[in-house]
Amino acid sequence: CPLLRRMAIRIQFNILKEMAKFIKIYPENPNEREIQKVVECLRDGGVIIYPTDTVYGLGCDITHSKALERIAHLKGVKLDKANFSFVCADLSNLSDYVKQIDTATFKLLKRALPGAYTFILPGNNNLPKEFKKKKTVGIRVPDNNIARTLVEKLGNPIVSSSIYDEDEVVEYTTDPELIFEKWQDKVDIVIDGGYGDNVASTIIDLSTGVPELIREGKGSIEGLF
């Protein structure tokens, strides 16, 4: 019974307080106190699972090396080889990590963001040491108030990777309570921002100046180029 299963998860959460916190945040009007709890966790080097405008994401503060290593370990990849996204609140700090882009590229970004897209752009020399070998970075500005508010209050991008589901039919996990059940002993906070989507972002490579569609996902490409 789904209801009994959810009740069991709640009881388990109350017993295992030393494990991940399960925090409900409403995307329409994110509670400032709850947002601050998550931001403090990120600043302390914590790893969270949070909602975006596509699938739920695994994220940490871009400035914490140990947290980045944790995410890489959870994903089963080497950090210097990982293709993580930089989740930003807007485009105002783009120059912090991306080389100067031309006007046409910037206008395309303005048309698409916030939205369900990951744009691959040429990285600059200011990338954190863990990503110094990378020539490109994936930039996300999700159309989700929780994600953007977290980044805005944090003051740094969140390095992010999607939460995969082992189910062959549902590729991405959408139920935050089931996500908590699976990840409670691996992360510090799981945010319940409502059911997520099961379609990933559309990936577009802009690193050469000519848009190249890498993966068509939730973000529509109609009229974008």
C-alpha atoms as a PDB file:
ATOM      1  CA  CYS A   1       0.000   0.000   0.000  1.00  0.00           C
ATOM      2  CA  PRO A   2       1.584   3.319  -1.072  1.00  0.00           C
ATOM      3  CA  LEU A   3       0.163   5.174   1.953  1.00  0.00           C
ATOM      4  CA  LEU A   4       1.597   2.674   4.441  1.00  0.00           C
ATOM      5  CA  ARG A   5       4.929   2.760   2.646  1.00  0.00           C
ATOM      6  CA  ARG A   6       5.085   6.552   2.940  1.00  0.00           C
ATOM      7  CA  MET A   7       4.139   6.354   6.627  1.00  0.00           C
ATOM      8  CA  ALA A   8       6.937   3.843   7.157  1.00  0.00           C
ATOM      9  CA  ILE A   9       9.386   6.208   5.455  1.00  0.00           C
ATOM     10  CA  ARG A  10       8.293   9.036   7.748  1.00  0.00           C
ATOM     11  CA  ILE A  11       8.739   6.856  10.838  1.00  0.00           C
ATOM     12  CA  GLN A  12      12.133   5.698   9.599  1.00  0.00           C
ATOM     13  CA  PHE A  13      13.148   9.311   9.075  1.00  0.00           C
ATOM     14  CA  ASN A  14      12.166  10.260  12.637  1.00  0.00           C
ATOM     15  CA  ILE A  15      14.191   7.369  14.054  1.00  0.00           C
ATOM     16  CA  LEU A  16      17.288   7.970  11.962  1.00  0.00           C
ATOM     17  CA  LYS A  17      17.805  11.657  12.686  1.00  0.00           C
ATOM     18  CA  GLU A  18      21.546  11.313  12.206  1.00  0.00           C
ATOM     19  CA  MET A  19      20.865  10.385   8.609  1.00  0.00           C
ATOM     20  CA  ALA A  20      19.715  12.745   5.870  1.00  0.00           C
ATOM     21  CA  LYS A  21      17.145  15.422   6.697  1.00  0.00           C
ATOM     22  CA  PHE A  22      13.947  15.374   4.648  1.00  0.00           C
ATOM     23  CA  ILE A  23      12.807  18.963   4.097  1.00  0.00           C
ATOM     24  CA  LYS A  24       9.585  20.032   2.422  1.00  0.00           C
ATOM     25  CA  ILE A  25       9.864  23.241   0.375  1.00  0.00           C
ATOM     26  CA  TYR A  26       7.080  24.590  -1.821  1.00  0.00           C
ATOM     27  CA  PRO A  27       8.378  25.774  -5.217  1.00  0.00           C
ATOM     28  CA  GLU A  28       5.764  28.534  -5.576  1.00  0.00           C
ATOM     29  CA  ASN A  29       6.957  30.278  -2.411  1.00  0.00           C
ATOM     30  CA  PRO A  30      10.119  28.724  -0.933  1.00  0.00           C
ATOM     31  CA  ASN A  31      10.227  29.090   2.858  1.00  0.00           C
ATOM     32  CA  GLU A  32      13.195  31.264   3.791  1.00  0.00           C
ATOM     33  CA  ARG A  33      13.962  29.337   6.979  1.00  0.00           C
ATOM     34  CA  GLU A  34      14.054  25.988   5.183  1.00  0.00           C
ATOM     35  CA  ILE A  35      16.114  27.437   2.337  1.00  0.00           C
ATOM     36  CA  GLN A  36      18.620  28.750   4.880  1.00  0.00           C
ATOM     37  CA  LYS A  37      18.977  25.275   6.442  1.00  0.00           C
ATOM     38  CA  VAL A  38      19.924  23.864   3.035  1.00  0.00           C
ATOM     39  CA  VAL A  39      22.281  26.754   2.264  1.00  0.00           C
ATOM     40  CA  GLU A  40      24.098  26.252   5.586  1.00  0.00           C
ATOM     41  CA  CYS A  41      24.440  22.570   4.793  1.00  0.00           C
ATOM     42  CA  LEU A  42      25.950  23.385   1.400  1.00  0.00           C
ATOM     43  CA  ARG A  43      28.342  25.922   2.932  1.00  0.00           C
ATOM     44  CA  ASP A  44      29.489  23.271   5.400  1.00  0.00           C
ATOM     45  CA  GLY A  45      30.364  20.946   2.533  1.00  0.00           C
ATOM     46  CA  GLY A  46      27.138  18.958   2.562  1.00  0.00           C
ATOM     47  CA  VAL A  47      25.614  17.043  -0.348  1.00  0.00           C
ATOM     48  CA  ILE A  48      21.932  17.484  -1.121  1.00  0.00           C
ATOM     49  CA  ILE A  49      19.250  16.154  -3.441  1.00  0.00           C
ATOM     50  CA  TYR A  50      17.028  18.906  -4.754  1.00  0.00           C
ATOM     51  CA  PRO A  51      14.363  19.553  -7.423  1.00  0.00           C
ATOM     52  CA  THR A  52      14.973  21.245 -10.750  1.00  0.00           C
ATOM     53  CA  ASP A  53      12.692  21.909 -13.713  1.00  0.00           C
ATOM     54  CA  THR A  54      13.528  18.434 -15.032  1.00  0.00           C
ATOM     55  CA  VAL A  55      14.711  15.565 -12.807  1.00  0.00           C
ATOM     56  CA  TYR A  56      15.915  15.683  -9.206  1.00  0.00           C
ATOM     57  CA  GLY A  57      19.582  16.547  -8.869  1.00  0.00           C
ATOM     58  CA  LEU A  58      22.478  15.591  -6.619  1.00  0.00           C
ATOM     59  CA  GLY A  59      24.368  18.758  -5.734  1.00  0.00           C
ATOM     60  CA  CYS A  60      26.972  20.567  -3.630  1.00  0.00           C
ATOM     61  CA  ASP A  61      28.708  23.925  -3.365  1.00  0.00           C
ATOM     62  CA  ILE A  62      31.208  24.357  -6.193  1.00  0.00           C
ATOM     63  CA  THR A  63      33.865  25.585  -3.719  1.00  0.00           C
ATOM     64  CA  HIS A  64      33.997  22.407  -1.568  1.00  0.00           C
ATOM     65  CA  SER A  65      36.495  19.829  -2.811  1.00  0.00           C
ATOM     66  CA  LYS A  66      35.420  17.061  -0.419  1.00  0.00           C
ATOM     67  CA  ALA A  67      31.771  17.482  -1.358  1.00  0.00           C
ATOM     68  CA  LEU A  68      32.693  17.296  -5.042  1.00  0.00           C
ATOM     69  CA  GLU A  69      34.597  14.085  -4.347  1.00  0.00           C
ATOM     70  CA  ARG A  70      31.555  12.686  -2.545  1.00  0.00           C
ATOM     71  CA  ILE A  71      29.309  13.325  -5.524  1.00  0.00           C
ATOM     72  CA  ALA A  72      31.823  11.777  -7.898  1.00  0.00           C
ATOM     73  CA  HIS A  73      32.031   8.720  -5.622  1.00  0.00           C
ATOM     74  CA  LEU A  74      28.229   8.445  -5.458  1.00  0.00           C
ATOM     75  CA  LYS A  75      28.075   8.594  -9.245  1.00  0.00           C
ATOM     76  CA  GLY A  76      30.889   6.078  -9.623  1.00  0.00           C
ATOM     77  CA  VAL A  77      33.154   8.373 -11.651  1.00  0.00           C
ATOM     78  CA  LYS A  78      36.510  10.082 -11.227  1.00  0.00           C
ATOM     79  CA  LEU A  79      36.052  13.749 -10.412  1.00  0.00           C
ATOM     80  CA  ASP A  80      38.380  15.011 -13.133  1.00  0.00           C
ATOM     81  CA  LYS A  81      36.453  12.948 -15.699  1.00  0.00           C
ATOM     82  CA  ALA A  82      32.953  13.829 -14.482  1.00  0.00           C
ATOM     83  CA  ASN A  83      30.585  15.841 -16.662  1.00  0.00           C
ATOM     84  CA  PHE A  84      28.742  17.711 -13.943  1.00  0.00           C
ATOM     85  CA  SER A  85      26.618  20.802 -14.580  1.00  0.00           C
ATOM     86  CA  PHE A  86      27.057  24.188 -12.940  1.00  0.00           C
ATOM     87  CA  VAL A  87      23.608  25.285 -11.765  1.00  0.00           C
ATOM     88  CA  CYS A  88      23.321  29.080 -11.664  1.00  0.00           C
ATOM     89  CA  ALA A  89      20.607  31.501 -10.531  1.00  0.00           C
ATOM     90  CA  ASP A  90      20.906  33.557 -13.719  1.00  0.00           C
ATOM     91  CA  LEU A  91      23.485  34.609 -16.308  1.00  0.00           C
ATOM     92  CA  SER A  92      25.013  37.425 -14.259  1.00  0.00           C
ATOM     93  CA  ASN A  93      28.025  35.370 -13.133  1.00  0.00           C
ATOM     94  CA  LEU A  94      28.593  33.556 -16.404  1.00  0.00           C
ATOM     95  CA  SER A  95      31.968  35.239 -16.900  1.00  0.00           C
ATOM     96  CA  ASP A  96      33.201  33.707 -13.621  1.00  0.00           C
ATOM     97  CA  TYR A  97      33.620  30.317 -15.305  1.00  0.00           C
ATOM     98  CA  VAL A  98      33.026  30.831 -19.033  1.00  0.00           C
ATOM     99  CA  LYS A  99      35.176  32.524 -21.657  1.00  0.00           C
ATOM    100  CA  GLN A 100      33.778  35.604 -23.343  1.00  0.00           C
ATOM    101  CA  ILE A 101      30.960  34.636 -25.693  1.00  0.00           C
ATOM    102  CA  ASP A 102      29.653  36.452 -28.749  1.00  0.00           C
ATOM    103  CA  THR A 103      26.385  38.381 -28.905  1.00  0.00           C
ATOM    104  CA  ALA A 104      24.508  35.697 -30.832  1.00  0.00           C
ATOM    105  CA  THR A 105      25.365  33.057 -28.218  1.00  0.00           C
ATOM    106  CA  PHE A 106      24.350  35.338 -25.370  1.00  0.00           C
ATOM    107  CA  LYS A 107      21.013  36.114 -27.012  1.00  0.00           C
ATOM    108  CA  LEU A 108      20.342  32.395 -27.436  1.00  0.00           C
ATOM    109  CA  LEU A 109      21.026  31.850 -23.732  1.00  0.00           C
ATOM    110  CA  LYS A 110      18.704  34.724 -22.833  1.00  0.00           C
ATOM    111  CA  ARG A 111      15.917  33.220 -24.949  1.00  0.00           C
ATOM    112  CA  ALA A 112      16.249  29.768 -23.444  1.00  0.00           C
ATOM    113  CA  LEU A 113      16.974  30.457 -19.764  1.00  0.00           C
ATOM    114  CA  PRO A 114      15.650  29.892 -17.209  1.00  0.00           C
ATOM    115  CA  GLY A 115      14.648  26.625 -18.803  1.00  0.00           C
ATOM    116  CA  ALA A 116      15.201  22.905 -19.201  1.00  0.00           C
ATOM    117  CA  TYR A 117      18.518  23.199 -21.023  1.00  0.00           C
ATOM    118  CA  THR A 118      22.165  22.454 -20.359  1.00  0.00           C
ATOM    119  CA  PHE A 119      24.476  24.605 -22.462  1.00  0.00           C
ATOM    120  CA  ILE A 120      28.049  23.497 -23.004  1.00  0.00           C
ATOM    121  CA  LEU A 121      30.301  26.553 -23.101  1.00  0.00           C
ATOM    122  CA  PRO A 122      34.077  27.120 -23.220  1.00  0.00           C
ATOM    123  CA  GLY A 123      35.540  27.222 -19.713  1.00  0.00           C
ATOM    124  CA  ASN A 124      37.954  29.920 -18.598  1.00  0.00           C
ATOM    125  CA  ASN A 125      40.971  29.949 -16.281  1.00  0.00           C
ATOM    126  CA  ASN A 126      38.871  30.624 -13.175  1.00  0.00           C
ATOM    127  CA  LEU A 127      37.429  27.123 -12.983  1.00  0.00           C
ATOM    128  CA  PRO A 128      37.906  25.377  -9.619  1.00  0.00           C
ATOM    129  CA  LYS A 129      41.066  23.274  -9.490  1.00  0.00           C
ATOM    130  CA  GLU A 130      39.022  20.076  -9.785  1.00  0.00           C
ATOM    131  CA  PHE A 131      37.905  21.154 -13.265  1.00  0.00           C
ATOM    132  CA  LYS A 132      41.060  22.882 -14.507  1.00  0.00           C
ATOM    133  CA  LYS A 133      41.667  20.217 -17.144  1.00  0.00           C
ATOM    134  CA  LYS A 134      38.239  20.730 -18.686  1.00  0.00           C
ATOM    135  CA  LYS A 135      37.934  22.872 -21.776  1.00  0.00           C
ATOM    136  CA  THR A 136      34.157  23.166 -21.500  1.00  0.00           C
ATOM    137  CA  VAL A 137      31.523  23.424 -18.770  1.00  0.00           C
ATOM    138  CA  GLY A 138      27.810  22.657 -18.703  1.00  0.00           C
ATOM    139  CA  ILE A 139      25.700  25.599 -17.524  1.00  0.00           C
ATOM    140  CA  ARG A 140      22.149  25.239 -16.161  1.00  0.00           C
ATOM    141  CA  VAL A 141      19.650  27.906 -15.061  1.00  0.00           C
ATOM    142  CA  PRO A 142      16.606  25.811 -14.150  1.00  0.00           C
ATOM    143  CA  ASP A 143      13.087  27.167 -14.296  1.00  0.00           C
ATOM    144  CA  ASN A 144      12.559  26.162 -10.668  1.00  0.00           C
ATOM    145  CA  ASN A 145      12.292  28.614  -7.774  1.00  0.00           C
ATOM    146  CA  ILE A 146      13.811  26.255  -5.219  1.00  0.00           C
ATOM    147  CA  ALA A 147      16.952  25.571  -7.234  1.00  0.00           C
ATOM    148  CA  ARG A 148      17.516  29.201  -8.220  1.00  0.00           C
ATOM    149  CA  THR A 149      16.809  30.518  -4.709  1.00  0.00           C
ATOM    150  CA  LEU A 150      19.325  28.078  -3.231  1.00  0.00           C
ATOM    151  CA  VAL A 151      22.037  29.231  -5.627  1.00  0.00           C
ATOM    152  CA  GLU A 152      21.169  32.896  -5.099  1.00  0.00           C
ATOM    153  CA  LYS A 153      21.368  32.592  -1.285  1.00  0.00           C
ATOM    154  CA  LEU A 154      24.479  30.408  -1.452  1.00  0.00           C
ATOM    155  CA  GLY A 155      26.306  32.884  -3.654  1.00  0.00           C
ATOM    156  CA  ASN A 156      27.989  30.114  -5.688  1.00  0.00           C
ATOM    157  CA  PRO A 157      26.838  27.702  -8.383  1.00  0.00           C
ATOM    158  CA  ILE A 158      25.733  24.242  -7.300  1.00  0.00           C
ATOM    159  CA  VAL A 159      27.656  21.478  -9.023  1.00  0.00           C
ATOM    160  CA  SER A 160      24.971  19.029 -10.038  1.00  0.00           C
ATOM    161  CA  SER A 161      24.282  15.634 -11.520  1.00  0.00           C
ATOM    162  CA  SER A 162      20.913  13.988 -12.169  1.00  0.00           C
ATOM    163  CA  ILE A 163      19.546  11.254  -9.917  1.00  0.00           C
ATOM    164  CA  TYR A 164      19.201   8.076 -11.922  1.00  0.00           C
ATOM    165  CA  ASP A 165      16.760   5.289 -11.214  1.00  0.00           C
ATOM    166  CA  GLU A 166      17.709   1.659 -11.708  1.00  0.00           C
ATOM    167  CA  ASP A 167      14.269   0.935 -13.154  1.00  0.00           C
ATOM    168  CA  GLU A 168      14.538   0.382 -16.904  1.00  0.00           C
ATOM    169  CA  VAL A 169      11.185   2.013 -17.609  1.00  0.00           C
ATOM    170  CA  VAL A 170      11.400   5.080 -15.361  1.00  0.00           C
ATOM    171  CA  GLU A 171      14.908   6.330 -16.003  1.00  0.00           C
ATOM    172  CA  TYR A 172      14.823   9.063 -13.399  1.00  0.00           C
ATOM    173  CA  THR A 173      13.329   8.929  -9.934  1.00  0.00           C
ATOM    174  CA  THR A 174      10.411  11.333  -9.543  1.00  0.00           C
ATOM    175  CA  ASP A 175       8.991  10.671  -6.053  1.00  0.00           C
ATOM    176  CA  PRO A 176      10.982  12.608  -3.389  1.00  0.00           C
ATOM    177  CA  GLU A 177       9.935  10.234  -0.595  1.00  0.00           C
ATOM    178  CA  LEU A 178      11.243   7.247  -2.524  1.00  0.00           C
ATOM    179  CA  ILE A 179      14.391   9.223  -3.302  1.00  0.00           C
ATOM    180  CA  PHE A 180      14.814   9.787   0.436  1.00  0.00           C
ATOM    181  CA  GLU A 181      14.319   6.097   1.134  1.00  0.00           C
ATOM    182  CA  LYS A 182      17.099   5.226  -1.288  1.00  0.00           C
ATOM    183  CA  TRP A 183      19.567   8.024  -0.533  1.00  0.00           C
ATOM    184  CA  GLN A 184      19.061   8.819   3.164  1.00  0.00           C
ATOM    185  CA  ASP A 185      22.348   7.214   4.218  1.00  0.00           C
ATOM    186  CA  LYS A 186      24.350   8.759   1.374  1.00  0.00           C
ATOM    187  CA  VAL A 187      23.492  12.491   1.441  1.00  0.00           C
ATOM    188  CA  ASP A 188      22.825  15.169   4.060  1.00  0.00           C
ATOM    189  CA  ILE A 189      19.504  16.628   2.885  1.00  0.00           C
ATOM    190  CA  VAL A 190      16.755  15.517   0.530  1.00  0.00           C
ATOM    191  CA  ILE A 191      14.373  18.310  -0.463  1.00  0.00           C
ATOM    192  CA  ASP A 192      10.765  17.437  -1.153  1.00  0.00           C
ATOM    193  CA  GLY A 193       9.770  19.951  -3.806  1.00  0.00           C
ATOM    194  CA  GLY A 194       6.946  17.823  -5.192  1.00  0.00           C
ATOM    195  CA  TYR A 195       7.062  15.187  -7.875  1.00  0.00           C
ATOM    196  CA  GLY A 196       9.867  15.658 -10.375  1.00  0.00           C
ATOM    197  CA  ASP A 197       9.883  15.041 -14.102  1.00  0.00           C
ATOM    198  CA  ASN A 198      11.343  11.934 -15.725  1.00  0.00           C
ATOM    199  CA  VAL A 199      12.728  13.756 -18.761  1.00  0.00           C
ATOM    200  CA  ALA A 200      16.239  15.194 -18.582  1.00  0.00           C
ATOM    201  CA  SER A 201      17.370  18.564 -19.914  1.00  0.00           C
ATOM    202  CA  THR A 202      18.126  19.272 -23.551  1.00  0.00           C
ATOM    203  CA  ILE A 203      21.902  19.543 -24.041  1.00  0.00           C
ATOM    204  CA  ILE A 204      23.249  22.019 -26.593  1.00  0.00           C
ATOM    205  CA  ASP A 205      26.948  22.499 -27.296  1.00  0.00           C
ATOM    206  CA  LEU A 206      27.819  26.169 -27.881  1.00  0.00           C
ATOM    207  CA  SER A 207      31.551  25.798 -27.263  1.00  0.00           C
ATOM    208  CA  THR A 208      32.500  26.249 -30.923  1.00  0.00           C
ATOM    209  CA  GLY A 209      30.132  29.146 -31.611  1.00  0.00           C
ATOM    210  CA  VAL A 210      27.883  26.937 -33.752  1.00  0.00           C
ATOM    211  CA  PRO A 211      24.972  25.340 -31.819  1.00  0.00           C
ATOM    212  CA  GLU A 212      25.076  21.551 -31.838  1.00  0.00           C
ATOM    213  CA  LEU A 213      22.277  19.475 -30.354  1.00  0.00           C
ATOM    214  CA  ILE A 214      23.820  16.763 -28.150  1.00  0.00           C
ATOM    215  CA  ARG A 215      20.638  15.435 -26.555  1.00  0.00           C
ATOM    216  CA  GLU A 216      17.020  16.429 -27.039  1.00  0.00           C
ATOM    217  CA  GLY A 217      15.235  16.371 -23.712  1.00  0.00           C
ATOM    218  CA  LYS A 218      12.534  18.435 -22.050  1.00  0.00           C
ATOM    219  CA  GLY A 219      13.641  21.792 -23.471  1.00  0.00           C
ATOM    220  CA  SER A 220      12.106  22.452 -26.872  1.00  0.00           C
ATOM    221  CA  ILE A 221      14.475  23.293 -29.713  1.00  0.00           C
ATOM    222  CA  GLU A 222      11.705  24.691 -31.916  1.00  0.00           C
ATOM    223  CA  GLY A 223      12.501  28.314 -32.742  1.00  0.00           C
ATOM    224  CA  LEU A 224      15.529  28.320 -30.439  1.00  0.00           C
ATOM    225  CA  PHE A 225      18.225  28.603 -33.116  1.00  0.00           C
END
